[in-house]
Amino acid sequence: MRRWQLWQGPGGHAFFPDDNHQARSTAIADGYVLTWHCMAKGINPAMRQLYAHLGRGEYHPMVRADGTPYPQDEDDAPVA
């Protein structure tokens, strides 16, 4: 489970995991401010929460040829 952060600023918004220090540094340097966060296992669950928060409706993730989401986008836990 990771914490995902929404930063908003003059150019729009940025959304990334808490441990992405480079993205955070860039957001701060560009005048963005942290406005919201959520906890999620991967990018797809995080984006579903972000869409709900922003009122954008249902999030539709990228899918493989068989129509299923990429497993690594659903759960970013390390693979043993």
PDB file of N, CA and C in Angstrom:
ATOM      1  N   MET A   1       0.863  -1.176   0.000  1.00  0.00           N
ATOM      2  CA  MET A   1       0.000   0.000   0.000  1.00  0.00           C
ATOM      3  C   MET A   1       0.902   1.230   0.000  1.00  0.00           C
ATOM      4  N   ARG A   2       0.588   2.163  -0.874  1.00  0.00           N
ATOM      5  CA  ARG A   2       1.366   3.390  -0.980  1.00  0.00           C
ATOM      6  C   ARG A   2       0.456   4.597  -0.815  1.00  0.00           C
ATOM      7  N   ARG A   3       1.061   5.693  -0.408  1.00  0.00           N
ATOM      8  CA  ARG A   3       0.346   6.958  -0.337  1.00  0.00           C
ATOM      9  C   ARG A   3       0.568   7.685  -1.662  1.00  0.00           C
ATOM     10  N   TRP A   4      -0.515   8.173  -2.244  1.00  0.00           N
ATOM     11  CA  TRP A   4      -0.476   8.919  -3.495  1.00  0.00           C
ATOM     12  C   TRP A   4      -0.889  10.349  -3.205  1.00  0.00           C
ATOM     13  N   GLN A   5      -0.224  11.311  -3.839  1.00  0.00           N
ATOM     14  CA  GLN A   5      -0.452  12.722  -3.539  1.00  0.00           C
ATOM     15  C   GLN A   5      -0.926  13.482  -4.774  1.00  0.00           C
ATOM     16  N   LEU A   6      -1.883  14.387  -4.547  1.00  0.00           N
ATOM     17  CA  LEU A   6      -2.340  15.310  -5.581  1.00  0.00           C
ATOM     18  C   LEU A   6      -1.797  16.687  -5.253  1.00  0.00           C
ATOM     19  N   TRP A   7      -1.036  17.231  -6.164  1.00  0.00           N
ATOM     20  CA  TRP A   7      -0.481  18.582  -6.039  1.00  0.00           C
ATOM     21  C   TRP A   7      -1.143  19.442  -7.104  1.00  0.00           C
ATOM     22  N   GLN A   8      -1.551  20.661  -6.737  1.00  0.00           N
ATOM     23  CA  GLN A   8      -2.185  21.559  -7.687  1.00  0.00           C
ATOM     24  C   GLN A   8      -1.433  22.873  -7.751  1.00  0.00           C
ATOM     25  N   GLY A   9      -1.377  23.425  -8.965  1.00  0.00           N
ATOM     26  CA  GLY A   9      -0.639  24.660  -9.151  1.00  0.00           C
ATOM     27  C   GLY A   9      -1.035  25.371 -10.414  1.00  0.00           C
ATOM     28  N   PRO A  10      -0.211  26.317 -10.824  1.00  0.00           N
ATOM     29  CA  PRO A  10      -0.549  27.162 -11.965  1.00  0.00           C
ATOM     30  C   PRO A  10      -0.745  26.396 -13.272  1.00  0.00           C
ATOM     31  N   GLY A  11      -0.051  25.291 -13.425  1.00  0.00           N
ATOM     32  CA  GLY A  11      -0.137  24.526 -14.671  1.00  0.00           C
ATOM     33  C   GLY A  11      -1.132  23.387 -14.632  1.00  0.00           C
ATOM     34  N   GLY A  12      -1.918  23.283 -13.580  1.00  0.00           N
ATOM     35  CA  GLY A  12      -2.871  22.177 -13.477  1.00  0.00           C
ATOM     36  C   GLY A  12      -2.626  21.370 -12.219  1.00  0.00           C
ATOM     37  N   HIS A  13      -2.431  20.059 -12.398  1.00  0.00           N
ATOM     38  CA  HIS A  13      -2.167  19.224 -11.234  1.00  0.00           C
ATOM     39  C   HIS A  13      -1.148  18.139 -11.565  1.00  0.00           C
ATOM     40  N   ALA A  14      -0.580  17.571 -10.520  1.00  0.00           N
ATOM     41  CA  ALA A  14       0.346  16.451 -10.628  1.00  0.00           C
ATOM     42  C   ALA A  14      -0.085  15.420  -9.596  1.00  0.00           C
ATOM     43  N   PHE A  15      -0.037  14.141  -9.967  1.00  0.00           N
ATOM     44  CA  PHE A  15      -0.463  13.054  -9.089  1.00  0.00           C
ATOM     45  C   PHE A  15       0.592  11.971  -9.155  1.00  0.00           C
ATOM     46  N   PHE A  16       1.147  11.621  -8.000  1.00  0.00           N
ATOM     47  CA  PHE A  16       2.247  10.666  -7.970  1.00  0.00           C
ATOM     48  C   PHE A  16       2.366  10.042  -6.589  1.00  0.00           C
ATOM     49  N   PRO A  17       3.091   8.915  -6.487  1.00  0.00           N
ATOM     50  CA  PRO A  17       3.277   8.290  -5.174  1.00  0.00           C
ATOM     51  C   PRO A  17       4.172   9.125  -4.274  1.00  0.00           C
ATOM     52  N   ASP A  18       3.905   9.036  -3.005  1.00  0.00           N
ATOM     53  CA  ASP A  18       4.624   9.785  -1.968  1.00  0.00           C
ATOM     54  C   ASP A  18       6.132   9.599  -2.047  1.00  0.00           C
ATOM     55  N   ASP A  19       6.588   8.416  -2.472  1.00  0.00           N
ATOM     56  CA  ASP A  19       8.027   8.138  -2.486  1.00  0.00           C
ATOM     57  C   ASP A  19       8.734   8.634  -3.757  1.00  0.00           C
ATOM     58  N   ASN A  20       8.029   9.357  -4.624  1.00  0.00           N
ATOM     59  CA  ASN A  20       8.641   9.928  -5.821  1.00  0.00           C
ATOM     60  C   ASN A  20       9.177  11.315  -5.463  1.00  0.00           C
ATOM     61  N   HIS A  21      10.376  11.325  -4.917  1.00  0.00           N
ATOM     62  CA  HIS A  21      10.979  12.564  -4.413  1.00  0.00           C
ATOM     63  C   HIS A  21      11.266  13.569  -5.532  1.00  0.00           C
ATOM     64  N   GLN A  22      11.626  13.079  -6.700  1.00  0.00           N
ATOM     65  CA  GLN A  22      11.904  13.983  -7.817  1.00  0.00           C
ATOM     66  C   GLN A  22      10.627  14.713  -8.247  1.00  0.00           C
ATOM     67  N   ALA A  23       9.512  13.991  -8.335  1.00  0.00           N
ATOM     68  CA  ALA A  23       8.248  14.628  -8.720  1.00  0.00           C
ATOM     69  C   ALA A  23       7.832  15.667  -7.681  1.00  0.00           C
ATOM     70  N   ARG A  24       8.019  15.338  -6.399  1.00  0.00           N
ATOM     71  CA  ARG A  24       7.659  16.288  -5.340  1.00  0.00           C
ATOM     72  C   ARG A  24       8.521  17.542  -5.439  1.00  0.00           C
ATOM     73  N   SER A  25       9.824  17.376  -5.644  1.00  0.00           N
ATOM     74  CA  SER A  25      10.732  18.532  -5.766  1.00  0.00           C
ATOM     75  C   SER A  25      10.341  19.412  -6.942  1.00  0.00           C
ATOM     76  N   THR A  26       9.996  18.788  -8.059  1.00  0.00           N
ATOM     77  CA  THR A  26       9.578  19.541  -9.244  1.00  0.00           C
ATOM     78  C   THR A  26       8.276  20.289  -8.969  1.00  0.00           C
ATOM     79  N   ALA A  27       7.325  19.615  -8.325  1.00  0.00           N
ATOM     80  CA  ALA A  27       6.042  20.257  -8.010  1.00  0.00           C
ATOM     81  C   ALA A  27       6.247  21.482  -7.122  1.00  0.00           C
ATOM     82  N   ILE A  28       7.062  21.340  -6.110  1.00  0.00           N
ATOM     83  CA  ILE A  28       7.332  22.463  -5.199  1.00  0.00           C
ATOM     84  C   ILE A  28       8.018  23.601  -5.947  1.00  0.00           C
ATOM     85  N   ALA A  29       9.026  23.262  -6.755  1.00  0.00           N
ATOM     86  CA  ALA A  29       9.749  24.287  -7.512  1.00  0.00           C
ATOM     87  C   ALA A  29       8.833  25.024  -8.486  1.00  0.00           C
ATOM     88  N   ASP A  30       7.804  24.327  -8.994  1.00  0.00           N
ATOM     89  CA  ASP A  30       6.876  24.935  -9.947  1.00  0.00           C
ATOM     90  C   ASP A  30       5.702  25.650  -9.271  1.00  0.00           C
ATOM     91  N   GLY A  31       5.722  25.718  -7.934  1.00  0.00           N
ATOM     92  CA  GLY A  31       4.689  26.447  -7.210  1.00  0.00           C
ATOM     93  C   GLY A  31       3.431  25.654  -6.905  1.00  0.00           C
ATOM     94  N   TYR A  32       3.505  24.358  -7.001  1.00  0.00           N
ATOM     95  CA  TYR A  32       2.353  23.511  -6.693  1.00  0.00           C
ATOM     96  C   TYR A  32       2.250  23.299  -5.184  1.00  0.00           C
ATOM     97  N   VAL A  33       1.042  23.014  -4.711  1.00  0.00           N
ATOM     98  CA  VAL A  33       0.834  22.722  -3.294  1.00  0.00           C
ATOM     99  C   VAL A  33       0.073  21.407  -3.161  1.00  0.00           C
ATOM    100  N   LEU A  34       0.391  20.674  -2.125  1.00  0.00           N
ATOM    101  CA  LEU A  34      -0.275  19.408  -1.829  1.00  0.00           C
ATOM    102  C   LEU A  34      -1.702  19.713  -1.386  1.00  0.00           C
ATOM    103  N   THR A  35      -2.686  19.130  -2.076  1.00  0.00           N
ATOM    104  CA  THR A  35      -4.084  19.418  -1.753  1.00  0.00           C
ATOM    105  C   THR A  35      -4.875  18.196  -1.314  1.00  0.00           C
ATOM    106  N   TRP A  36      -4.367  16.984  -1.577  1.00  0.00           N
ATOM    107  CA  TRP A  36      -5.144  15.777  -1.270  1.00  0.00           C
ATOM    108  C   TRP A  36      -4.218  14.575  -1.357  1.00  0.00           C
ATOM    109  N   HIS A  37      -4.561  13.516  -0.655  1.00  0.00           N
ATOM    110  CA  HIS A  37      -3.817  12.264  -0.781  1.00  0.00           C
ATOM    111  C   HIS A  37      -4.749  11.088  -0.549  1.00  0.00           C
ATOM    112  N   CYS A  38      -4.303   9.903  -0.978  1.00  0.00           N
ATOM    113  CA  CYS A  38      -5.055   8.671  -0.760  1.00  0.00           C
ATOM    114  C   CYS A  38      -4.065   7.526  -0.588  1.00  0.00           C
ATOM    115  N   MET A  39      -4.565   6.398  -0.140  1.00  0.00           N
ATOM    116  CA  MET A  39      -3.765   5.183  -0.012  1.00  0.00           C
ATOM    117  C   MET A  39      -4.282   4.176  -1.038  1.00  0.00           C
ATOM    118  N   ALA A  40      -3.362   3.546  -1.776  1.00  0.00           N
ATOM    119  CA  ALA A  40      -3.765   2.572  -2.788  1.00  0.00           C
ATOM    120  C   ALA A  40      -2.620   1.609  -3.052  1.00  0.00           C
ATOM    121  N   LYS A  41      -2.969   0.420  -3.538  1.00  0.00           N
ATOM    122  CA  LYS A  41      -1.985  -0.625  -3.814  1.00  0.00           C
ATOM    123  C   LYS A  41      -1.273  -0.439  -5.151  1.00  0.00           C
ATOM    124  N   GLY A  42      -1.842   0.324  -6.059  1.00  0.00           N
ATOM    125  CA  GLY A  42      -1.251   0.511  -7.377  1.00  0.00           C
ATOM    126  C   GLY A  42      -1.823   1.746  -8.044  1.00  0.00           C
ATOM    127  N   ILE A  43      -1.328   2.024  -9.261  1.00  0.00           N
ATOM    128  CA  ILE A  43      -1.752   3.232  -9.966  1.00  0.00           C
ATOM    129  C   ILE A  43      -3.237   3.195 -10.325  1.00  0.00           C
ATOM    130  N   ASN A  44      -3.759   2.039 -10.736  1.00  0.00           N
ATOM    131  CA  ASN A  44      -5.178   1.986 -11.103  1.00  0.00           C
ATOM    132  C   ASN A  44      -6.097   2.275  -9.917  1.00  0.00           C
ATOM    133  N   PRO A  45      -5.909   1.629  -8.761  1.00  0.00           N
ATOM    134  CA  PRO A  45      -6.758   1.976  -7.616  1.00  0.00           C
ATOM    135  C   PRO A  45      -6.590   3.444  -7.193  1.00  0.00           C
ATOM    136  N   ALA A  46      -5.375   3.962  -7.299  1.00  0.00           N
ATOM    137  CA  ALA A  46      -5.141   5.366  -6.951  1.00  0.00           C
ATOM    138  C   ALA A  46      -5.880   6.288  -7.920  1.00  0.00           C
ATOM    139  N   MET A  47      -5.841   5.972  -9.198  1.00  0.00           N
ATOM    140  CA  MET A  47      -6.526   6.798 -10.192  1.00  0.00           C
ATOM    141  C   MET A  47      -8.043   6.722 -10.019  1.00  0.00           C
ATOM    142  N   ARG A  48      -8.564   5.569  -9.627  1.00  0.00           N
ATOM    143  CA  ARG A  48     -10.008   5.471  -9.363  1.00  0.00           C
ATOM    144  C   ARG A  48     -10.403   6.434  -8.243  1.00  0.00           C
ATOM    145  N   GLN A  49      -9.592   6.486  -7.190  1.00  0.00           N
ATOM    146  CA  GLN A  49      -9.871   7.397  -6.084  1.00  0.00           C
ATOM    147  C   GLN A  49      -9.727   8.857  -6.517  1.00  0.00           C
ATOM    148  N   LEU A  50      -8.710   9.144  -7.315  1.00  0.00           N
ATOM    149  CA  LEU A  50      -8.506  10.509  -7.804  1.00  0.00           C
ATOM    150  C   LEU A  50      -9.695  10.966  -8.647  1.00  0.00           C
ATOM    151  N   TYR A  51     -10.142  10.128  -9.567  1.00  0.00           N
ATOM    152  CA  TYR A  51     -11.288  10.493 -10.406  1.00  0.00           C
ATOM    153  C   TYR A  51     -12.517  10.766  -9.549  1.00  0.00           C
ATOM    154  N   ALA A  52     -12.748   9.920  -8.536  1.00  0.00           N
ATOM    155  CA  ALA A  52     -13.888  10.129  -7.639  1.00  0.00           C
ATOM    156  C   ALA A  52     -13.739  11.459  -6.901  1.00  0.00           C
ATOM    157  N   HIS A  53     -12.544  11.730  -6.412  1.00  0.00           N
ATOM    158  CA  HIS A  53     -12.279  12.979  -5.682  1.00  0.00           C
ATOM    159  C   HIS A  53     -12.527  14.210  -6.559  1.00  0.00           C
ATOM    160  N   LEU A  54     -12.098  14.136  -7.817  1.00  0.00           N
ATOM    161  CA  LEU A  54     -12.226  15.273  -8.726  1.00  0.00           C
ATOM    162  C   LEU A  54     -13.587  15.327  -9.418  1.00  0.00           C
ATOM    163  N   GLY A  55     -14.414  14.300  -9.200  1.00  0.00           N
ATOM    164  CA  GLY A  55     -15.725  14.263  -9.833  1.00  0.00           C
ATOM    165  C   GLY A  55     -15.674  14.003 -11.323  1.00  0.00           C
ATOM    166  N   ARG A  56     -14.710  13.241 -11.759  1.00  0.00           N
ATOM    167  CA  ARG A  56     -14.522  12.978 -13.189  1.00  0.00           C
ATOM    168  C   ARG A  56     -15.205  11.704 -13.679  1.00  0.00           C
ATOM    169  N   GLY A  57     -15.966  11.059 -12.833  1.00  0.00           N
ATOM    170  CA  GLY A  57     -16.625   9.827 -13.253  1.00  0.00           C
ATOM    171  C   GLY A  57     -15.731   8.617 -13.074  1.00  0.00           C
ATOM    172  N   GLU A  58     -15.987   7.607 -13.867  1.00  0.00           N
ATOM    173  CA  GLU A  58     -15.267   6.340 -13.729  1.00  0.00           C
ATOM    174  C   GLU A  58     -13.915   6.392 -14.440  1.00  0.00           C
ATOM    175  N   TYR A  59     -12.882   5.892 -13.769  1.00  0.00           N
ATOM    176  CA  TYR A  59     -11.553   5.805 -14.372  1.00  0.00           C
ATOM    177  C   TYR A  59     -11.469   4.521 -15.190  1.00  0.00           C
ATOM    178  N   HIS A  60     -10.975   4.615 -16.410  1.00  0.00           N
ATOM    179  CA  HIS A  60     -10.798   3.459 -17.282  1.00  0.00           C
ATOM    180  C   HIS A  60      -9.302   3.232 -17.497  1.00  0.00           C
ATOM    181  N   PRO A  61      -8.742   2.183 -16.879  1.00  0.00           N
ATOM    182  CA  PRO A  61      -7.303   1.946 -16.996  1.00  0.00           C
ATOM    183  C   PRO A  61      -6.915   1.404 -18.365  1.00  0.00           C
ATOM    184  N   MET A  62      -5.623   1.488 -18.643  1.00  0.00           N
ATOM    185  CA  MET A  62      -5.085   0.837 -19.833  1.00  0.00           C
ATOM    186  C   MET A  62      -5.249  -0.668 -19.628  1.00  0.00           C
ATOM    187  N   VAL A  63      -5.562  -1.384 -20.713  1.00  0.00           N
ATOM    188  CA  VAL A  63      -5.775  -2.825 -20.608  1.00  0.00           C
ATOM    189  C   VAL A  63      -4.916  -3.572 -21.614  1.00  0.00           C
ATOM    190  N   ARG A  64      -4.714  -4.853 -21.313  1.00  0.00           N
ATOM    191  CA  ARG A  64      -3.966  -5.731 -22.215  1.00  0.00           C
ATOM    192  C   ARG A  64      -4.867  -6.153 -23.381  1.00  0.00           C
ATOM    193  N   ALA A  65      -4.309  -6.888 -24.309  1.00  0.00           N
ATOM    194  CA  ALA A  65      -5.063  -7.335 -25.486  1.00  0.00           C
ATOM    195  C   ALA A  65      -6.298  -8.136 -25.109  1.00  0.00           C
ATOM    196  N   ASP A  66      -6.235  -8.847 -23.974  1.00  0.00           N
ATOM    197  CA  ASP A  66      -7.392  -9.645 -23.554  1.00  0.00           C
ATOM    198  C   ASP A  66      -8.434  -8.827 -22.786  1.00  0.00           C
ATOM    199  N   GLY A  67      -8.216  -7.524 -22.657  1.00  0.00           N
ATOM    200  CA  GLY A  67      -9.180  -6.650 -21.999  1.00  0.00           C
ATOM    201  C   GLY A  67      -9.037  -6.535 -20.501  1.00  0.00           C
ATOM    202  N   THR A  68      -8.028  -7.168 -19.917  1.00  0.00           N
ATOM    203  CA  THR A  68      -7.809  -7.091 -18.471  1.00  0.00           C
ATOM    204  C   THR A  68      -6.723  -6.068 -18.160  1.00  0.00           C
ATOM    205  N   PRO A  69      -6.806  -5.423 -16.989  1.00  0.00           N
ATOM    206  CA  PRO A  69      -5.773  -4.449 -16.607  1.00  0.00           C
ATOM    207  C   PRO A  69      -4.413  -5.127 -16.407  1.00  0.00           C
ATOM    208  N   TYR A  70      -3.375  -4.387 -16.591  1.00  0.00           N
ATOM    209  CA  TYR A  70      -2.036  -4.893 -16.318  1.00  0.00           C
ATOM    210  C   TYR A  70      -1.904  -5.147 -14.817  1.00  0.00           C
ATOM    211  N   PRO A  71      -1.479  -6.355 -14.418  1.00  0.00           N
ATOM    212  CA  PRO A  71      -1.398  -6.684 -12.987  1.00  0.00           C
ATOM    213  C   PRO A  71      -0.550  -5.705 -12.183  1.00  0.00           C
ATOM    214  N   GLN A  72       0.559  -5.234 -12.731  1.00  0.00           N
ATOM    215  CA  GLN A  72       1.438  -4.326 -12.006  1.00  0.00           C
ATOM    216  C   GLN A  72       0.790  -2.966 -11.773  1.00  0.00           C
ATOM    217  N   ASP A  73      -0.235  -2.628 -12.541  1.00  0.00           N
ATOM    218  CA  ASP A  73      -0.955  -1.376 -12.334  1.00  0.00           C
ATOM    219  C   ASP A  73      -2.032  -1.501 -11.262  1.00  0.00           C
ATOM    220  N   GLU A  74      -2.435  -2.717 -10.974  1.00  0.00           N
ATOM    221  CA  GLU A  74      -3.444  -2.972  -9.950  1.00  0.00           C
ATOM    222  C   GLU A  74      -2.814  -3.104  -8.561  1.00  0.00           C
ATOM    223  N   ASP A  75      -1.620  -3.657  -8.506  1.00  0.00           N
ATOM    224  CA  ASP A  75      -0.942  -3.888  -7.222  1.00  0.00           C
ATOM    225  C   ASP A  75       0.546  -3.750  -7.458  1.00  0.00           C
ATOM    226  N   ASP A  76       1.145  -2.692  -6.907  1.00  0.00           N
ATOM    227  CA  ASP A  76       2.571  -2.440  -7.129  1.00  0.00           C
ATOM    228  C   ASP A  76       3.455  -3.056  -6.057  1.00  0.00           C
ATOM    229  N   ALA A  77       2.933  -4.051  -5.336  1.00  0.00           N
ATOM    230  CA  ALA A  77       3.747  -4.740  -4.327  1.00  0.00           C
ATOM    231  C   ALA A  77       4.889  -5.471  -5.018  1.00  0.00           C
ATOM    232  N   PRO A  78       6.046  -5.543  -4.373  1.00  0.00           N
ATOM    233  CA  PRO A  78       7.168  -6.264  -4.971  1.00  0.00           C
ATOM    234  C   PRO A  78       6.806  -7.722  -5.247  1.00  0.00           C
ATOM    235  N   VAL A  79       7.260  -8.212  -6.371  1.00  0.00           N
ATOM    236  CA  VAL A  79       7.029  -9.604  -6.746  1.00  0.00           C
ATOM    237  C   VAL A  79       8.145 -10.460  -6.154  1.00  0.00           C
ATOM    238  N   ALA A  80       7.772 -11.532  -5.488  1.00  0.00           N
ATOM    239  CA  ALA A  80       8.777 -12.405  -4.851  1.00  0.00           C
ATOM    240  C   ALA A  80       9.434 -13.314  -5.852  1.00  0.00           C
TER     241      ALA A  80
END
